Amino acid sequence: MVKLPFYSFKINGRSRPGYEVYSGGKSDCPEEFRSLPQIRRPEEMIFIALYLGERPTGGYQIKPVEVRLEESRLRIRYKEEKPSPSTMVSQAFSYPALLLAVEKSFLPSGPLEVILEPT
């Protein structure tokens, strides 16, 4: 197992939980991801968007814990942070989401299995 460096960004969420993987190329990667100021060469990155789905109020977040490479598997550990009962939050649905960016140079060529692991 190798622990990989990564960038993380808060993004707009979706109503259903899940994830999407983008190669960073112009044809498959949303422009909003490619134009992040911290990413100088998006074509040299792989992007993984994580979506928690709908939550009943504001105050929910996804926090990345670590990204590890295990042969041809990319294991992403993350934590869902929930608002404490005493915290004032918006009384509207929220859609927590997170974008991770990992340099392709750290990854093997060929198929890559993505494993999401909540902590």
PDB file of N, CA and C in Angstrom:
ATOM      1  N   MET A   1       0.828  -1.187   0.000  1.00  0.00           N
ATOM      2  CA  MET A   1       0.000   0.000   0.000  1.00  0.00           C
ATOM      3  C   MET A   1       0.869   1.245   0.000  1.00  0.00           C
ATOM      4  N   VAL A   2       0.463   2.205  -0.812  1.00  0.00           N
ATOM      5  CA  VAL A   2       1.181   3.469  -0.892  1.00  0.00           C
ATOM      6  C   VAL A   2       0.194   4.601  -0.646  1.00  0.00           C
ATOM      7  N   LYS A   3       0.506   5.447   0.309  1.00  0.00           N
ATOM      8  CA  LYS A   3      -0.329   6.607   0.579  1.00  0.00           C
ATOM      9  C   LYS A   3      -0.005   7.681  -0.459  1.00  0.00           C
ATOM     10  N   LEU A   4      -1.045   8.223  -1.125  1.00  0.00           N
ATOM     11  CA  LEU A   4      -0.845   9.183  -2.205  1.00  0.00           C
ATOM     12  C   LEU A   4      -1.205  10.599  -1.776  1.00  0.00           C
ATOM     13  N   PRO A   5      -0.478  11.590  -2.296  1.00  0.00           N
ATOM     14  CA  PRO A   5      -0.878  12.978  -2.069  1.00  0.00           C
ATOM     15  C   PRO A   5      -2.079  13.303  -2.961  1.00  0.00           C
ATOM     16  N   PHE A   6      -2.910  14.230  -2.522  1.00  0.00           N
ATOM     17  CA  PHE A   6      -4.083  14.598  -3.302  1.00  0.00           C
ATOM     18  C   PHE A   6      -4.502  16.018  -2.972  1.00  0.00           C
ATOM     19  N   TYR A   7      -5.295  16.593  -3.858  1.00  0.00           N
ATOM     20  CA  TYR A   7      -5.943  17.873  -3.625  1.00  0.00           C
ATOM     21  C   TYR A   7      -7.406  17.576  -3.334  1.00  0.00           C
ATOM     22  N   SER A   8      -8.059  18.397  -2.524  1.00  0.00           N
ATOM     23  CA  SER A   8      -9.494  18.218  -2.285  1.00  0.00           C
ATOM     24  C   SER A   8     -10.202  19.563  -2.398  1.00  0.00           C
ATOM     25  N   PHE A   9     -11.422  19.511  -2.921  1.00  0.00           N
ATOM     26  CA  PHE A   9     -12.223  20.706  -3.161  1.00  0.00           C
ATOM     27  C   PHE A   9     -13.680  20.413  -2.835  1.00  0.00           C
ATOM     28  N   LYS A  10     -14.362  21.383  -2.274  1.00  0.00           N
ATOM     29  CA  LYS A  10     -15.798  21.280  -2.052  1.00  0.00           C
ATOM     30  C   LYS A  10     -16.485  21.608  -3.381  1.00  0.00           C
ATOM     31  N   ILE A  11     -17.450  20.780  -3.781  1.00  0.00           N
ATOM     32  CA  ILE A  11     -18.170  20.998  -5.034  1.00  0.00           C
ATOM     33  C   ILE A  11     -19.673  20.913  -4.784  1.00  0.00           C
ATOM     34  N   ASN A  12     -20.445  21.267  -5.798  1.00  0.00           N
ATOM     35  CA  ASN A  12     -21.892  21.138  -5.711  1.00  0.00           C
ATOM     36  C   ASN A  12     -22.276  19.671  -5.695  1.00  0.00           C
ATOM     37  N   GLY A  13     -23.238  19.325  -4.836  1.00  0.00           N
ATOM     38  CA  GLY A  13     -23.638  17.945  -4.681  1.00  0.00           C
ATOM     39  C   GLY A  13     -24.782  17.534  -5.582  1.00  0.00           C
ATOM     40  N   ARG A  14     -25.225  16.313  -5.362  1.00  0.00           N
ATOM     41  CA  ARG A  14     -26.341  15.727  -6.099  1.00  0.00           C
ATOM     42  C   ARG A  14     -27.286  15.070  -5.106  1.00  0.00           C
ATOM     43  N   SER A  15     -28.504  14.834  -5.529  1.00  0.00           N
ATOM     44  CA  SER A  15     -29.510  14.278  -4.622  1.00  0.00           C
ATOM     45  C   SER A  15     -29.277  12.807  -4.302  1.00  0.00           C
ATOM     46  N   ARG A  16     -28.531  12.113  -5.129  1.00  0.00           N
ATOM     47  CA  ARG A  16     -28.258  10.689  -4.881  1.00  0.00           C
ATOM     48  C   ARG A  16     -26.780  10.474  -4.549  1.00  0.00           C
ATOM     49  N   PRO A  17     -26.514   9.560  -3.611  1.00  0.00           N
ATOM     50  CA  PRO A  17     -25.113   9.271  -3.286  1.00  0.00           C
ATOM     51  C   PRO A  17     -24.426   8.515  -4.420  1.00  0.00           C
ATOM     52  N   GLY A  18     -23.109   8.651  -4.481  1.00  0.00           N
ATOM     53  CA  GLY A  18     -22.334   7.930  -5.486  1.00  0.00           C
ATOM     54  C   GLY A  18     -21.009   8.612  -5.733  1.00  0.00           C
ATOM     55  N   TYR A  19     -20.369   8.204  -6.814  1.00  0.00           N
ATOM     56  CA  TYR A  19     -19.102   8.827  -7.196  1.00  0.00           C
ATOM     57  C   TYR A  19     -18.934   8.747  -8.701  1.00  0.00           C
ATOM     58  N   GLU A  20     -18.061   9.596  -9.229  1.00  0.00           N
ATOM     59  CA  GLU A  20     -17.707   9.603 -10.644  1.00  0.00           C
ATOM     60  C   GLU A  20     -16.207   9.813 -10.754  1.00  0.00           C
ATOM     61  N   VAL A  21     -15.611   9.211 -11.769  1.00  0.00           N
ATOM     62  CA  VAL A  21     -14.171   9.340 -12.015  1.00  0.00           C
ATOM     63  C   VAL A  21     -13.983   9.983 -13.381  1.00  0.00           C
ATOM     64  N   TYR A  22     -13.101  10.991 -13.436  1.00  0.00           N
ATOM     65  CA  TYR A  22     -12.810  11.709 -14.679  1.00  0.00           C
ATOM     66  C   TYR A  22     -11.313  11.661 -14.931  1.00  0.00           C
ATOM     67  N   SER A  23     -10.939  11.477 -16.184  1.00  0.00           N
ATOM     68  CA  SER A  23      -9.518  11.360 -16.525  1.00  0.00           C
ATOM     69  C   SER A  23      -8.802  12.703 -16.595  1.00  0.00           C
ATOM     70  N   GLY A  24      -9.527  13.801 -16.598  1.00  0.00           N
ATOM     71  CA  GLY A  24      -8.896  15.117 -16.672  1.00  0.00           C
ATOM     72  C   GLY A  24      -8.829  15.663 -18.074  1.00  0.00           C
ATOM     73  N   GLY A  25      -9.194  14.842 -19.069  1.00  0.00           N
ATOM     74  CA  GLY A  25      -9.198  15.298 -20.454  1.00  0.00           C
ATOM     75  C   GLY A  25     -10.379  16.207 -20.740  1.00  0.00           C
ATOM     76  N   LYS A  26     -10.277  16.997 -21.804  1.00  0.00           N
ATOM     77  CA  LYS A  26     -11.337  17.943 -22.142  1.00  0.00           C
ATOM     78  C   LYS A  26     -12.658  17.255 -22.466  1.00  0.00           C
ATOM     79  N   SER A  27     -12.600  16.059 -23.012  1.00  0.00           N
ATOM     80  CA  SER A  27     -13.827  15.404 -23.475  1.00  0.00           C
ATOM     81  C   SER A  27     -14.661  14.793 -22.350  1.00  0.00           C
ATOM     82  N   ASP A  28     -14.064  14.425 -21.239  1.00  0.00           N
ATOM     83  CA  ASP A  28     -14.850  13.741 -20.195  1.00  0.00           C
ATOM     84  C   ASP A  28     -14.884  14.458 -18.857  1.00  0.00           C
ATOM     85  N   CYS A  29     -14.162  15.539 -18.716  1.00  0.00           N
ATOM     86  CA  CYS A  29     -14.061  16.204 -17.414  1.00  0.00           C
ATOM     87  C   CYS A  29     -14.783  17.551 -17.464  1.00  0.00           C
ATOM     88  N   PRO A  30     -15.702  17.804 -16.515  1.00  0.00           N
ATOM     89  CA  PRO A  30     -16.385  19.102 -16.505  1.00  0.00           C
ATOM     90  C   PRO A  30     -15.397  20.265 -16.422  1.00  0.00           C
ATOM     91  N   GLU A  31     -15.686  21.323 -17.136  1.00  0.00           N
ATOM     92  CA  GLU A  31     -14.808  22.494 -17.183  1.00  0.00           C
ATOM     93  C   GLU A  31     -14.590  23.090 -15.792  1.00  0.00           C
ATOM     94  N   GLU A  32     -15.609  23.027 -14.930  1.00  0.00           N
ATOM     95  CA  GLU A  32     -15.456  23.584 -13.575  1.00  0.00           C
ATOM     96  C   GLU A  32     -14.353  22.868 -12.795  1.00  0.00           C
ATOM     97  N   PHE A  33     -14.114  21.585 -13.081  1.00  0.00           N
ATOM     98  CA  PHE A  33     -13.033  20.847 -12.422  1.00  0.00           C
ATOM     99  C   PHE A  33     -11.693  21.193 -13.068  1.00  0.00           C
ATOM    100  N   ARG A  34     -11.673  21.296 -14.386  1.00  0.00           N
ATOM    101  CA  ARG A  34     -10.440  21.572 -15.121  1.00  0.00           C
ATOM    102  C   ARG A  34      -9.919  22.984 -14.849  1.00  0.00           C
ATOM    103  N   SER A  35     -10.795  23.895 -14.459  1.00  0.00           N
ATOM    104  CA  SER A  35     -10.386  25.291 -14.299  1.00  0.00           C
ATOM    105  C   SER A  35     -10.086  25.686 -12.848  1.00  0.00           C
ATOM    106  N   LEU A  36      -9.967  24.731 -11.945  1.00  0.00           N
ATOM    107  CA  LEU A  36      -9.613  25.051 -10.564  1.00  0.00           C
ATOM    108  C   LEU A  36      -8.219  25.676 -10.534  1.00  0.00           C
ATOM    109  N   PRO A  37      -8.046  26.805  -9.845  1.00  0.00           N
ATOM    110  CA  PRO A  37      -6.755  27.504  -9.884  1.00  0.00           C
ATOM    111  C   PRO A  37      -5.573  26.695  -9.351  1.00  0.00           C
ATOM    112  N   GLN A  38      -5.807  25.782  -8.425  1.00  0.00           N
ATOM    113  CA  GLN A  38      -4.714  24.999  -7.854  1.00  0.00           C
ATOM    114  C   GLN A  38      -4.223  23.903  -8.812  1.00  0.00           C
ATOM    115  N   ILE A  39      -5.018  23.580  -9.827  1.00  0.00           N
ATOM    116  CA  ILE A  39      -4.669  22.509 -10.771  1.00  0.00           C
ATOM    117  C   ILE A  39      -4.105  23.153 -12.028  1.00  0.00           C
ATOM    118  N   ARG A  40      -2.802  23.057 -12.197  1.00  0.00           N
ATOM    119  CA  ARG A  40      -2.152  23.700 -13.343  1.00  0.00           C
ATOM    120  C   ARG A  40      -2.286  22.893 -14.627  1.00  0.00           C
ATOM    121  N   ARG A  41      -2.231  21.574 -14.512  1.00  0.00           N
ATOM    122  CA  ARG A  41      -2.301  20.699 -15.692  1.00  0.00           C
ATOM    123  C   ARG A  41      -3.366  19.621 -15.458  1.00  0.00           C
ATOM    124  N   PRO A  42      -4.637  19.939 -15.699  1.00  0.00           N
ATOM    125  CA  PRO A  42      -5.705  18.980 -15.412  1.00  0.00           C
ATOM    126  C   PRO A  42      -5.585  17.676 -16.199  1.00  0.00           C
ATOM    127  N   GLU A  43      -4.980  17.723 -17.364  1.00  0.00           N
ATOM    128  CA  GLU A  43      -4.815  16.500 -18.169  1.00  0.00           C
ATOM    129  C   GLU A  43      -3.848  15.503 -17.508  1.00  0.00           C
ATOM    130  N   GLU A  44      -3.098  15.947 -16.510  1.00  0.00           N
ATOM    131  CA  GLU A  44      -2.175  15.075 -15.791  1.00  0.00           C
ATOM    132  C   GLU A  44      -2.763  14.573 -14.467  1.00  0.00           C
ATOM    133  N   MET A  45      -4.068  14.821 -14.273  1.00  0.00           N
ATOM    134  CA  MET A  45      -4.737  14.445 -13.030  1.00  0.00           C
ATOM    135  C   MET A  45      -5.877  13.465 -13.310  1.00  0.00           C
ATOM    136  N   ILE A  46      -6.245  12.728 -12.279  1.00  0.00           N
ATOM    137  CA  ILE A  46      -7.489  11.973 -12.291  1.00  0.00           C
ATOM    138  C   ILE A  46      -8.349  12.614 -11.204  1.00  0.00           C
ATOM    139  N   PHE A  47      -9.636  12.836 -11.519  1.00  0.00           N
ATOM    140  CA  PHE A  47     -10.557  13.481 -10.593  1.00  0.00           C
ATOM    141  C   PHE A  47     -11.593  12.468 -10.129  1.00  0.00           C
ATOM    142  N   ILE A  48     -11.859  12.453  -8.830  1.00  0.00           N
ATOM    143  CA  ILE A  48     -12.890  11.586  -8.258  1.00  0.00           C
ATOM    144  C   ILE A  48     -13.861  12.489  -7.501  1.00  0.00           C
ATOM    145  N   ALA A  49     -15.119  12.506  -7.945  1.00  0.00           N
ATOM    146  CA  ALA A  49     -16.160  13.289  -7.294  1.00  0.00           C
ATOM    147  C   ALA A  49     -16.988  12.362  -6.410  1.00  0.00           C
ATOM    148  N   LEU A  50     -17.080  12.688  -5.120  1.00  0.00           N
ATOM    149  CA  LEU A  50     -17.862  11.908  -4.156  1.00  0.00           C
ATOM    150  C   LEU A  50     -19.118  12.688  -3.786  1.00  0.00           C
ATOM    151  N   TYR A  51     -20.251  12.002  -3.800  1.00  0.00           N
ATOM    152  CA  TYR A  51     -21.534  12.621  -3.472  1.00  0.00           C
ATOM    153  C   TYR A  51     -22.199  11.846  -2.340  1.00  0.00           C
ATOM    154  N   LEU A  52     -22.562  12.532  -1.252  1.00  0.00           N
ATOM    155  CA  LEU A  52     -23.246  11.873  -0.137  1.00  0.00           C
ATOM    156  C   LEU A  52     -24.750  11.784  -0.359  1.00  0.00           C
ATOM    157  N   GLY A  53     -25.281  12.561  -1.280  1.00  0.00           N
ATOM    158  CA  GLY A  53     -26.718  12.573  -1.491  1.00  0.00           C
ATOM    159  C   GLY A  53     -27.384  13.608  -0.602  1.00  0.00           C
ATOM    160  N   GLU A  54     -28.708  13.549  -0.552  1.00  0.00           N
ATOM    161  CA  GLU A  54     -29.482  14.542   0.180  1.00  0.00           C
ATOM    162  C   GLU A  54     -29.389  14.356   1.689  1.00  0.00           C
ATOM    163  N   ARG A  55     -29.201  15.477   2.394  1.00  0.00           N
ATOM    164  CA  ARG A  55     -29.210  15.501   3.847  1.00  0.00           C
ATOM    165  C   ARG A  55     -30.310  16.471   4.302  1.00  0.00           C
ATOM    166  N   PRO A  56     -30.882  16.273   5.499  1.00  0.00           N
ATOM    167  CA  PRO A  56     -32.067  17.044   5.898  1.00  0.00           C
ATOM    168  C   PRO A  56     -31.833  18.517   6.206  1.00  0.00           C
ATOM    169  N   THR A  57     -30.593  18.910   6.516  1.00  0.00           N
ATOM    170  CA  THR A  57     -30.291  20.310   6.847  1.00  0.00           C
ATOM    171  C   THR A  57     -28.894  20.644   6.334  1.00  0.00           C
ATOM    172  N   GLY A  58     -28.486  21.869   6.540  1.00  0.00           N
ATOM    173  CA  GLY A  58     -27.114  22.260   6.267  1.00  0.00           C
ATOM    174  C   GLY A  58     -26.193  21.716   7.349  1.00  0.00           C
ATOM    175  N   GLY A  59     -24.901  21.955   7.208  1.00  0.00           N
ATOM    176  CA  GLY A  59     -23.947  21.554   8.234  1.00  0.00           C
ATOM    177  C   GLY A  59     -23.256  20.226   7.998  1.00  0.00           C
ATOM    178  N   TYR A  60     -23.625  19.504   6.956  1.00  0.00           N
ATOM    179  CA  TYR A  60     -22.982  18.229   6.640  1.00  0.00           C
ATOM    180  C   TYR A  60     -21.817  18.472   5.686  1.00  0.00           C
ATOM    181  N   GLN A  61     -20.749  17.697   5.858  1.00  0.00           N
ATOM    182  CA  GLN A  61     -19.563  17.819   5.000  1.00  0.00           C
ATOM    183  C   GLN A  61     -18.923  16.463   4.782  1.00  0.00           C
ATOM    184  N   ILE A  62     -18.141  16.362   3.718  1.00  0.00           N
ATOM    185  CA  ILE A  62     -17.281  15.199   3.499  1.00  0.00           C
ATOM    186  C   ILE A  62     -15.855  15.674   3.723  1.00  0.00           C
ATOM    187  N   LYS A  63     -15.110  14.955   4.544  1.00  0.00           N
ATOM    188  CA  LYS A  63     -13.703  15.258   4.792  1.00  0.00           C
ATOM    189  C   LYS A  63     -12.856  14.089   4.324  1.00  0.00           C
ATOM    190  N   PRO A  64     -11.870  14.339   3.462  1.00  0.00           N
ATOM    191  CA  PRO A  64     -10.996  13.241   3.037  1.00  0.00           C
ATOM    192  C   PRO A  64     -10.074  12.824   4.177  1.00  0.00           C
ATOM    193  N   VAL A  65      -9.866  11.536   4.325  1.00  0.00           N
ATOM    194  CA  VAL A  65      -8.964  11.011   5.349  1.00  0.00           C
ATOM    195  C   VAL A  65      -7.647  10.613   4.703  1.00  0.00           C
ATOM    196  N   GLU A  66      -7.717   9.768   3.670  1.00  0.00           N
ATOM    197  CA  GLU A  66      -6.508   9.399   2.941  1.00  0.00           C
ATOM    198  C   GLU A  66      -6.863   8.737   1.622  1.00  0.00           C
ATOM    199  N   VAL A  67      -5.881   8.748   0.726  1.00  0.00           N
ATOM    200  CA  VAL A  67      -5.989   8.059  -0.555  1.00  0.00           C
ATOM    201  C   VAL A  67      -4.800   7.120  -0.638  1.00  0.00           C
ATOM    202  N   ARG A  68      -5.083   5.830  -0.871  1.00  0.00           N
ATOM    203  CA  ARG A  68      -4.027   4.816  -0.939  1.00  0.00           C
ATOM    204  C   ARG A  68      -4.132   4.028  -2.231  1.00  0.00           C
ATOM    205  N   LEU A  69      -2.976   3.651  -2.739  1.00  0.00           N
ATOM    206  CA  LEU A  69      -2.913   2.786  -3.915  1.00  0.00           C
ATOM    207  C   LEU A  69      -2.513   1.394  -3.463  1.00  0.00           C
ATOM    208  N   GLU A  70      -3.333   0.409  -3.817  1.00  0.00           N
ATOM    209  CA  GLU A  70      -3.071  -0.997  -3.507  1.00  0.00           C
ATOM    210  C   GLU A  70      -3.117  -1.753  -4.821  1.00  0.00           C
ATOM    211  N   GLU A  71      -1.959  -1.925  -5.451  1.00  0.00           N
ATOM    212  CA  GLU A  71      -1.853  -2.531  -6.781  1.00  0.00           C
ATOM    213  C   GLU A  71      -2.694  -1.719  -7.762  1.00  0.00           C
ATOM    214  N   SER A  72      -3.798  -2.254  -8.272  1.00  0.00           N
ATOM    215  CA  SER A  72      -4.622  -1.503  -9.228  1.00  0.00           C
ATOM    216  C   SER A  72      -5.914  -0.995  -8.578  1.00  0.00           C
ATOM    217  N   ARG A  73      -5.881  -0.825  -7.260  1.00  0.00           N
ATOM    218  CA  ARG A  73      -7.046  -0.320  -6.529  1.00  0.00           C
ATOM    219  C   ARG A  73      -6.697   1.011  -5.854  1.00  0.00           C
ATOM    220  N   LEU A  74      -7.576   1.973  -6.035  1.00  0.00           N
ATOM    221  CA  LEU A  74      -7.429   3.266  -5.387  1.00  0.00           C
ATOM    222  C   LEU A  74      -8.442   3.301  -4.242  1.00  0.00           C
ATOM    223  N   ARG A  75      -7.940   3.248  -3.017  1.00  0.00           N
ATOM    224  CA  ARG A  75      -8.806   3.213  -1.835  1.00  0.00           C
ATOM    225  C   ARG A  75      -8.900   4.630  -1.268  1.00  0.00           C
ATOM    226  N   ILE A  76     -10.125   5.135  -1.201  1.00  0.00           N
ATOM    227  CA  ILE A  76     -10.371   6.485  -0.705  1.00  0.00           C
ATOM    228  C   ILE A  76     -11.124   6.384   0.611  1.00  0.00           C
ATOM    229  N   ARG A  77     -10.484   6.833   1.674  1.00  0.00           N
ATOM    230  CA  ARG A  77     -11.129   6.857   2.995  1.00  0.00           C
ATOM    231  C   ARG A  77     -11.608   8.277   3.246  1.00  0.00           C
ATOM    232  N   TYR A  78     -12.862   8.378   3.688  1.00  0.00           N
ATOM    233  CA  TYR A  78     -13.442   9.686   3.949  1.00  0.00           C
ATOM    234  C   TYR A  78     -14.326   9.622   5.187  1.00  0.00           C
ATOM    235  N   LYS A  79     -14.622  10.808   5.712  1.00  0.00           N
ATOM    236  CA  LYS A  79     -15.464  10.905   6.904  1.00  0.00           C
ATOM    237  C   LYS A  79     -16.603  11.872   6.613  1.00  0.00           C
ATOM    238  N   GLU A  80     -17.811  11.462   6.980  1.00  0.00           N
ATOM    239  CA  GLU A  80     -18.940  12.385   6.893  1.00  0.00           C
ATOM    240  C   GLU A  80     -19.038  13.118   8.223  1.00  0.00           C
ATOM    241  N   GLU A  81     -18.985  14.438   8.155  1.00  0.00           N
ATOM    242  CA  GLU A  81     -19.146  15.240   9.361  1.00  0.00           C
ATOM    243  C   GLU A  81     -20.576  15.738   9.421  1.00  0.00           C
ATOM    244  N   LYS A  82     -21.198  15.516  10.580  1.00  0.00           N
ATOM    245  CA  LYS A  82     -22.583  15.919  10.796  1.00  0.00           C
ATOM    246  C   LYS A  82     -22.605  17.104  11.752  1.00  0.00           C
ATOM    247  N   PRO A  83     -23.591  17.970  11.627  1.00  0.00           N
ATOM    248  CA  PRO A  83     -23.657  19.104  12.557  1.00  0.00           C
ATOM    249  C   PRO A  83     -24.003  18.632  13.965  1.00  0.00           C
ATOM    250  N   SER A  84     -23.424  19.272  14.960  1.00  0.00           N
ATOM    251  CA  SER A  84     -23.768  18.916  16.343  1.00  0.00           C
ATOM    252  C   SER A  84     -25.172  19.438  16.641  1.00  0.00           C
ATOM    253  N   PRO A  85     -25.851  18.836  17.583  1.00  0.00           N
ATOM    254  CA  PRO A  85     -27.218  19.264  17.907  1.00  0.00           C
ATOM    255  C   PRO A  85     -27.329  20.731  18.315  1.00  0.00           C
ATOM    256  N   SER A  86     -26.254  21.301  18.858  1.00  0.00           N
ATOM    257  CA  SER A  86     -26.307  22.700  19.306  1.00  0.00           C
ATOM    258  C   SER A  86     -25.919  23.701  18.215  1.00  0.00           C
ATOM    259  N   THR A  87     -25.521  23.215  17.040  1.00  0.00           N
ATOM    260  CA  THR A  87     -25.100  24.096  15.953  1.00  0.00           C
ATOM    261  C   THR A  87     -26.302  24.628  15.190  1.00  0.00           C
ATOM    262  N   MET A  88     -26.294  25.926  14.890  1.00  0.00           N
ATOM    263  CA  MET A  88     -27.347  26.495  14.048  1.00  0.00           C
ATOM    264  C   MET A  88     -27.025  26.157  12.599  1.00  0.00           C
ATOM    265  N   VAL A  89     -27.981  25.575  11.909  1.00  0.00           N
ATOM    266  CA  VAL A  89     -27.790  25.197  10.513  1.00  0.00           C
ATOM    267  C   VAL A  89     -28.978  25.668   9.690  1.00  0.00           C
ATOM    268  N   SER A  90     -28.790  25.739   8.391  1.00  0.00           N
ATOM    269  CA  SER A  90     -29.903  26.109   7.519  1.00  0.00           C
ATOM    270  C   SER A  90     -30.954  25.004   7.542  1.00  0.00           C
ATOM    271  N   GLN A  91     -32.198  25.395   7.522  1.00  0.00           N
ATOM    272  CA  GLN A  91     -33.290  24.422   7.543  1.00  0.00           C
ATOM    273  C   GLN A  91     -33.727  24.145   6.105  1.00  0.00           C
ATOM    274  N   ALA A  92     -32.787  23.654   5.344  1.00  0.00           N
ATOM    275  CA  ALA A  92     -33.018  23.302   3.943  1.00  0.00           C
ATOM    276  C   ALA A  92     -32.173  22.077   3.635  1.00  0.00           C
ATOM    277  N   PHE A  93     -32.609  21.316   2.671  1.00  0.00           N
ATOM    278  CA  PHE A  93     -31.825  20.152   2.276  1.00  0.00           C
ATOM    279  C   PHE A  93     -30.445  20.588   1.811  1.00  0.00           C
ATOM    280  N   SER A  94     -29.447  19.749   2.065  1.00  0.00           N
ATOM    281  CA  SER A  94     -28.095  20.012   1.570  1.00  0.00           C
ATOM    282  C   SER A  94     -27.592  18.765   0.851  1.00  0.00           C
ATOM    283  N   TYR A  95     -26.564  18.949   0.048  1.00  0.00           N
ATOM    284  CA  TYR A  95     -26.040  17.880  -0.807  1.00  0.00           C
ATOM    285  C   TYR A  95     -24.514  17.879  -0.736  1.00  0.00           C
ATOM    286  N   PRO A  96     -23.938  17.344   0.342  1.00  0.00           N
ATOM    287  CA  PRO A  96     -22.484  17.392   0.511  1.00  0.00           C
ATOM    288  C   PRO A  96     -21.764  16.625  -0.603  1.00  0.00           C
ATOM    289  N   ALA A  97     -20.679  17.223  -1.069  1.00  0.00           N
ATOM    290  CA  ALA A  97     -19.893  16.597  -2.132  1.00  0.00           C
ATOM    291  C   ALA A  97     -18.440  17.047  -2.020  1.00  0.00           C
ATOM    292  N   LEU A  98     -17.556  16.247  -2.575  1.00  0.00           N
ATOM    293  CA  LEU A  98     -16.122  16.493  -2.492  1.00  0.00           C
ATOM    294  C   LEU A  98     -15.470  16.045  -3.791  1.00  0.00           C
ATOM    295  N   LEU A  99     -14.524  16.827  -4.258  1.00  0.00           N
ATOM    296  CA  LEU A  99     -13.737  16.457  -5.437  1.00  0.00           C
ATOM    297  C   LEU A  99     -12.304  16.214  -4.997  1.00  0.00           C
ATOM    298  N   LEU A 100     -11.757  15.061  -5.365  1.00  0.00           N
ATOM    299  CA  LEU A 100     -10.349  14.745  -5.105  1.00  0.00           C
ATOM    300  C   LEU A 100      -9.611  14.731  -6.433  1.00  0.00           C
ATOM    301  N   ALA A 101      -8.390  15.209  -6.424  1.00  0.00           N
ATOM    302  CA  ALA A 101      -7.541  15.196  -7.615  1.00  0.00           C
ATOM    303  C   ALA A 101      -6.214  14.527  -7.245  1.00  0.00           C
ATOM    304  N   VAL A 102      -5.835  13.522  -8.045  1.00  0.00           N
ATOM    305  CA  VAL A 102      -4.596  12.771  -7.818  1.00  0.00           C
ATOM    306  C   VAL A 102      -3.797  12.788  -9.121  1.00  0.00           C
ATOM    307  N   GLU A 103      -2.498  13.002  -9.016  1.00  0.00           N
ATOM    308  CA  GLU A 103      -1.653  13.010 -10.210  1.00  0.00           C
ATOM    309  C   GLU A 103      -1.588  11.614 -10.821  1.00  0.00           C
ATOM    310  N   LYS A 104      -1.777  11.556 -12.140  1.00  0.00           N
ATOM    311  CA  LYS A 104      -1.741  10.272 -12.854  1.00  0.00           C
ATOM    312  C   LYS A 104      -0.379   9.598 -12.751  1.00  0.00           C
ATOM    313  N   SER A 105       0.680  10.384 -12.569  1.00  0.00           N
ATOM    314  CA  SER A 105       2.027   9.804 -12.503  1.00  0.00           C
ATOM    315  C   SER A 105       2.187   8.858 -11.316  1.00  0.00           C
ATOM    316  N   PHE A 106       1.331   8.985 -10.301  1.00  0.00           N
ATOM    317  CA  PHE A 106       1.384   8.096  -9.139  1.00  0.00           C
ATOM    318  C   PHE A 106       0.618   6.793  -9.358  1.00  0.00           C
ATOM    319  N   LEU A 107      -0.150   6.722 -10.444  1.00  0.00           N
ATOM    320  CA  LEU A 107      -1.063   5.600 -10.671  1.00  0.00           C
ATOM    321  C   LEU A 107      -0.533   4.653 -11.740  1.00  0.00           C
ATOM    322  N   PRO A 108      -0.891   3.370 -11.653  1.00  0.00           N
ATOM    323  CA  PRO A 108      -0.471   2.430 -12.685  1.00  0.00           C
ATOM    324  C   PRO A 108      -1.265   2.661 -13.966  1.00  0.00           C
ATOM    325  N   SER A 109      -0.711   2.239 -15.095  1.00  0.00           N
ATOM    326  CA  SER A 109      -1.473   2.311 -16.342  1.00  0.00           C
ATOM    327  C   SER A 109      -2.472   1.156 -16.361  1.00  0.00           C
ATOM    328  N   GLY A 110      -3.526   1.305 -17.118  1.00  0.00           N
ATOM    329  CA  GLY A 110      -4.540   0.264 -17.194  1.00  0.00           C
ATOM    330  C   GLY A 110      -5.712   0.547 -16.286  1.00  0.00           C
ATOM    331  N   PRO A 111      -6.621  -0.422 -16.164  1.00  0.00           N
ATOM    332  CA  PRO A 111      -7.829  -0.222 -15.355  1.00  0.00           C
ATOM    333  C   PRO A 111      -7.500   0.033 -13.880  1.00  0.00           C
ATOM    334  N   LEU A 112      -8.318   0.858 -13.269  1.00  0.00           N
ATOM    335  CA  LEU A 112      -8.127   1.224 -11.874  1.00  0.00           C
ATOM    336  C   LEU A 112      -9.467   1.066 -11.165  1.00  0.00           C
ATOM    337  N   GLU A 113      -9.486   0.267 -10.111  1.00  0.00           N
ATOM    338  CA  GLU A 113     -10.697   0.083  -9.328  1.00  0.00           C
ATOM    339  C   GLU A 113     -10.712   1.106  -8.202  1.00  0.00           C
ATOM    340  N   VAL A 114     -11.829   1.814  -8.037  1.00  0.00           N
ATOM    341  CA  VAL A 114     -11.963   2.812  -6.982  1.00  0.00           C
ATOM    342  C   VAL A 114     -12.805   2.204  -5.864  1.00  0.00           C
ATOM    343  N   ILE A 115     -12.277   2.260  -4.643  1.00  0.00           N
ATOM    344  CA  ILE A 115     -12.978   1.724  -3.469  1.00  0.00           C
ATOM    345  C   ILE A 115     -13.188   2.874  -2.495  1.00  0.00           C
ATOM    346  N   LEU A 116     -14.439   3.142  -2.156  1.00  0.00           N
ATOM    347  CA  LEU A 116     -14.768   4.185  -1.188  1.00  0.00           C
ATOM    348  C   LEU A 116     -14.959   3.543   0.180  1.00  0.00           C
ATOM    349  N   GLU A 117     -14.331   4.117   1.170  1.00  0.00           N
ATOM    350  CA  GLU A 117     -14.373   3.536   2.514  1.00  0.00           C
ATOM    351  C   GLU A 117     -14.694   4.620   3.541  1.00  0.00           C
ATOM    352  N   PRO A 118     -15.955   4.669   4.009  1.00  0.00           N
ATOM    353  CA  PRO A 118     -16.271   5.633   5.061  1.00  0.00           C
ATOM    354  C   PRO A 118     -15.618   5.224   6.382  1.00  0.00           C
ATOM    355  N   THR A 119     -15.223   6.217   7.180  1.00  0.00           N
ATOM    356  CA  THR A 119     -14.607   5.901   8.478  1.00  0.00           C
ATOM    357  C   THR A 119     -15.542   6.268   9.606  1.00  0.00           C
TER     358      THR A 119
END
